[in-house]
Structures are given as C-alpha cells and as structure tokens.
Amino acid sequence: MRVDATKHPVAIGDLLVTGDHAGTAMVSVPLSLDGVKIHRPGTIIGKALEPLASGEKEILVLLSLQ
C-alpha cells in the first residue's frame, strides 16, 4: 500500500487511515477522550508491517476488514 509519512513517520505496528493525497494512507493520530487515547472507529485501514521515516512509498500493510 502507498503510505505518506510527510507529517508523521510510520513505525511497525502503527494504525493507518486514509491519507491527505489520493491513493495513500497515513498514521492515525489518536484522540484523547477523558484521558483515554482512542482511534476513531471505522477509519482504520490497516496496520503498518514496515517502517517509513519520511516521504511517500509503498510498504507492506496488514489490511483491516470491517
């Protein structure tokens, strides 16, 4: 999957959501709800299986079926 790491670097295990550029994914930034960090339900595409320090590149992603 093509991943955009221009805003946040991608680490192995990071959850990914749709990116700002068409056809890309980016790191999901959790929200703080009463002190508990959560990811918005229904927005997660998958989990990064490879790191990406910066830029835009294709990496392996474990897709999440919902």
N, C-alpha and C. Protein backbone atom coordinates (compact mmCIF):
# COMPACT_ATOMS: atom_id res chain seq x y z
N MET A 1 0.85 -1.17 0.00
CA MET A 1 0.00 0.00 0.00
C MET A 1 0.90 1.24 0.00
N ARG A 2 0.50 2.27 -0.71
CA ARG A 2 1.27 3.52 -0.75
C ARG A 2 0.97 4.31 0.52
N VAL A 3 2.04 4.68 1.25
CA VAL A 3 1.89 5.36 2.53
C VAL A 3 2.62 6.70 2.48
N ASP A 4 2.02 7.72 3.08
CA ASP A 4 2.57 9.07 3.13
C ASP A 4 3.07 9.33 4.56
N ALA A 5 4.38 9.55 4.69
CA ALA A 5 4.97 9.81 6.01
C ALA A 5 5.53 11.23 6.09
N THR A 6 4.93 12.17 5.35
CA THR A 6 5.44 13.54 5.37
C THR A 6 5.08 14.28 6.66
N LYS A 7 3.94 13.95 7.27
CA LYS A 7 3.54 14.59 8.54
C LYS A 7 4.07 13.83 9.75
N HIS A 8 3.98 12.50 9.72
CA HIS A 8 4.41 11.66 10.84
C HIS A 8 5.15 10.45 10.29
N PRO A 9 6.29 10.09 10.88
CA PRO A 9 6.96 8.86 10.44
C PRO A 9 6.10 7.65 10.80
N VAL A 10 6.22 6.59 10.02
CA VAL A 10 5.45 5.37 10.23
C VAL A 10 6.36 4.33 10.87
N ALA A 11 5.92 3.78 11.98
CA ALA A 11 6.65 2.70 12.66
C ALA A 11 5.88 1.40 12.47
N ILE A 12 6.58 0.28 12.62
CA ILE A 12 5.91 -1.02 12.54
C ILE A 12 4.84 -1.08 13.62
N GLY A 13 3.64 -1.46 13.23
CA GLY A 13 2.52 -1.57 14.18
C GLY A 13 1.62 -0.35 14.23
N ASP A 14 2.02 0.75 13.59
CA ASP A 14 1.17 1.95 13.57
C ASP A 14 -0.13 1.66 12.81
N LEU A 15 -1.23 2.21 13.31
CA LEU A 15 -2.51 2.09 12.62
C LEU A 15 -2.58 3.16 11.53
N LEU A 16 -3.14 2.80 10.38
CA LEU A 16 -3.18 3.69 9.23
C LEU A 16 -4.61 4.04 8.84
N VAL A 17 -4.78 5.29 8.40
CA VAL A 17 -6.06 5.79 7.90
C VAL A 17 -5.84 6.37 6.52
N THR A 18 -6.91 6.80 5.84
CA THR A 18 -6.74 7.40 4.52
C THR A 18 -5.90 8.66 4.63
N GLY A 19 -5.03 8.85 3.63
CA GLY A 19 -4.11 9.98 3.63
C GLY A 19 -4.70 11.23 3.00
N ASP A 20 -3.94 12.32 3.10
CA ASP A 20 -4.36 13.60 2.52
C ASP A 20 -4.28 13.58 1.00
N HIS A 21 -3.37 12.78 0.45
CA HIS A 21 -3.24 12.65 -1.01
C HIS A 21 -4.01 11.43 -1.47
N ALA A 22 -4.65 11.52 -2.62
CA ALA A 22 -5.45 10.41 -3.15
C ALA A 22 -4.60 9.15 -3.31
N GLY A 23 -5.12 8.03 -2.86
CA GLY A 23 -4.45 6.74 -3.01
C GLY A 23 -3.38 6.44 -1.98
N THR A 24 -3.32 7.23 -0.92
CA THR A 24 -2.31 6.99 0.12
C THR A 24 -2.96 6.78 1.48
N ALA A 25 -2.17 6.22 2.38
CA ALA A 25 -2.57 6.08 3.78
C ALA A 25 -1.57 6.86 4.63
N MET A 26 -1.94 7.19 5.86
CA MET A 26 -1.03 7.87 6.78
C MET A 26 -1.31 7.39 8.20
N VAL A 27 -0.44 7.74 9.12
CA VAL A 27 -0.57 7.31 10.51
C VAL A 27 -1.83 7.91 11.13
N SER A 28 -2.55 7.09 11.87
CA SER A 28 -3.72 7.55 12.61
C SER A 28 -3.25 8.21 13.91
N VAL A 29 -3.69 9.44 14.14
CA VAL A 29 -3.36 10.15 15.37
C VAL A 29 -4.55 9.98 16.32
N PRO A 30 -4.32 9.33 17.48
CA PRO A 30 -5.44 9.06 18.38
C PRO A 30 -5.98 10.33 19.03
N LEU A 31 -7.27 10.30 19.36
CA LEU A 31 -7.93 11.38 20.09
C LEU A 31 -7.89 11.06 21.57
N SER A 32 -7.91 12.08 22.39
CA SER A 32 -7.95 11.87 23.84
C SER A 32 -9.38 12.08 24.30
N LEU A 33 -9.99 11.04 24.84
CA LEU A 33 -11.37 11.10 25.31
C LEU A 33 -11.36 10.78 26.80
N ASP A 34 -11.56 11.77 27.63
CA ASP A 34 -11.49 11.62 29.09
C ASP A 34 -10.18 10.99 29.52
N GLY A 35 -9.07 11.40 28.87
CA GLY A 35 -7.75 10.92 29.23
C GLY A 35 -7.37 9.59 28.59
N VAL A 36 -8.30 8.99 27.84
CA VAL A 36 -8.03 7.72 27.17
C VAL A 36 -7.81 8.00 25.69
N LYS A 37 -6.71 7.51 25.15
CA LYS A 37 -6.42 7.72 23.73
C LYS A 37 -7.12 6.64 22.90
N ILE A 38 -7.94 7.09 21.94
CA ILE A 38 -8.66 6.16 21.06
C ILE A 38 -8.49 6.59 19.61
N HIS A 39 -8.63 5.64 18.71
CA HIS A 39 -8.66 5.94 17.28
C HIS A 39 -10.12 5.96 16.85
N ARG A 40 -10.46 6.85 15.96
CA ARG A 40 -11.85 6.97 15.52
C ARG A 40 -12.33 5.65 14.93
N PRO A 41 -13.42 5.10 15.44
CA PRO A 41 -13.95 3.84 14.92
C PRO A 41 -14.33 3.96 13.45
N GLY A 42 -14.04 2.91 12.68
CA GLY A 42 -14.43 2.87 11.27
C GLY A 42 -13.47 3.58 10.33
N THR A 43 -12.39 4.16 10.86
CA THR A 43 -11.47 4.89 9.99
C THR A 43 -10.18 4.13 9.71
N ILE A 44 -9.89 3.09 10.45
CA ILE A 44 -8.63 2.36 10.32
C ILE A 44 -8.64 1.49 9.06
N ILE A 45 -7.60 1.66 8.23
CA ILE A 45 -7.43 0.84 7.02
C ILE A 45 -6.65 -0.43 7.35
N GLY A 46 -5.62 -0.28 8.18
CA GLY A 46 -4.78 -1.42 8.50
C GLY A 46 -3.63 -1.06 9.42
N LYS A 47 -2.66 -1.96 9.52
CA LYS A 47 -1.52 -1.80 10.41
C LYS A 47 -0.24 -1.92 9.59
N ALA A 48 0.70 -1.00 9.82
CA ALA A 48 1.97 -1.00 9.09
C ALA A 48 2.83 -2.18 9.50
N LEU A 49 3.36 -2.90 8.51
CA LEU A 49 4.26 -4.02 8.76
C LEU A 49 5.72 -3.66 8.48
N GLU A 50 5.93 -2.45 7.96
CA GLU A 50 7.27 -1.93 7.68
C GLU A 50 7.33 -0.47 8.11
N PRO A 51 8.51 0.01 8.50
CA PRO A 51 8.63 1.43 8.87
C PRO A 51 8.85 2.30 7.63
N LEU A 52 8.54 3.59 7.78
CA LEU A 52 8.82 4.59 6.75
C LEU A 52 9.11 5.90 7.47
N ALA A 53 10.37 6.34 7.42
CA ALA A 53 10.81 7.52 8.17
C ALA A 53 10.26 8.82 7.60
N SER A 54 10.22 8.93 6.28
CA SER A 54 9.71 10.16 5.66
C SER A 54 9.36 9.89 4.20
N GLY A 55 8.66 10.84 3.61
CA GLY A 55 8.32 10.72 2.20
C GLY A 55 7.10 9.87 1.94
N GLU A 56 7.00 9.41 0.70
CA GLU A 56 5.86 8.60 0.25
C GLU A 56 6.40 7.37 -0.46
N LYS A 57 5.94 6.20 -0.06
CA LYS A 57 6.48 4.96 -0.60
C LYS A 57 5.48 3.83 -0.36
N GLU A 58 5.62 2.74 -1.12
CA GLU A 58 4.81 1.55 -0.88
C GLU A 58 5.47 0.71 0.20
N ILE A 59 4.67 0.30 1.20
CA ILE A 59 5.15 -0.59 2.26
C ILE A 59 4.11 -1.71 2.47
N LEU A 60 4.52 -2.74 3.18
CA LEU A 60 3.59 -3.83 3.50
C LEU A 60 2.65 -3.38 4.61
N VAL A 61 1.36 -3.69 4.42
CA VAL A 61 0.33 -3.31 5.39
C VAL A 61 -0.60 -4.50 5.60
N LEU A 62 -0.94 -4.77 6.85
CA LEU A 62 -1.95 -5.78 7.17
C LEU A 62 -3.30 -5.08 7.10
N LEU A 63 -4.09 -5.39 6.07
CA LEU A 63 -5.37 -4.71 5.87
C LEU A 63 -6.40 -5.17 6.89
N SER A 64 -7.23 -4.24 7.30
CA SER A 64 -8.28 -4.49 8.28
C SER A 64 -9.62 -4.57 7.54
N LEU A 65 -10.29 -5.71 7.62
CA LEU A 65 -11.61 -5.86 7.00
C LEU A 65 -12.67 -5.53 8.03
N GLN A 66 -13.56 -4.62 7.66
CA GLN A 66 -14.61 -4.21 8.61
C GLN A 66 -15.97 -4.46 8.03
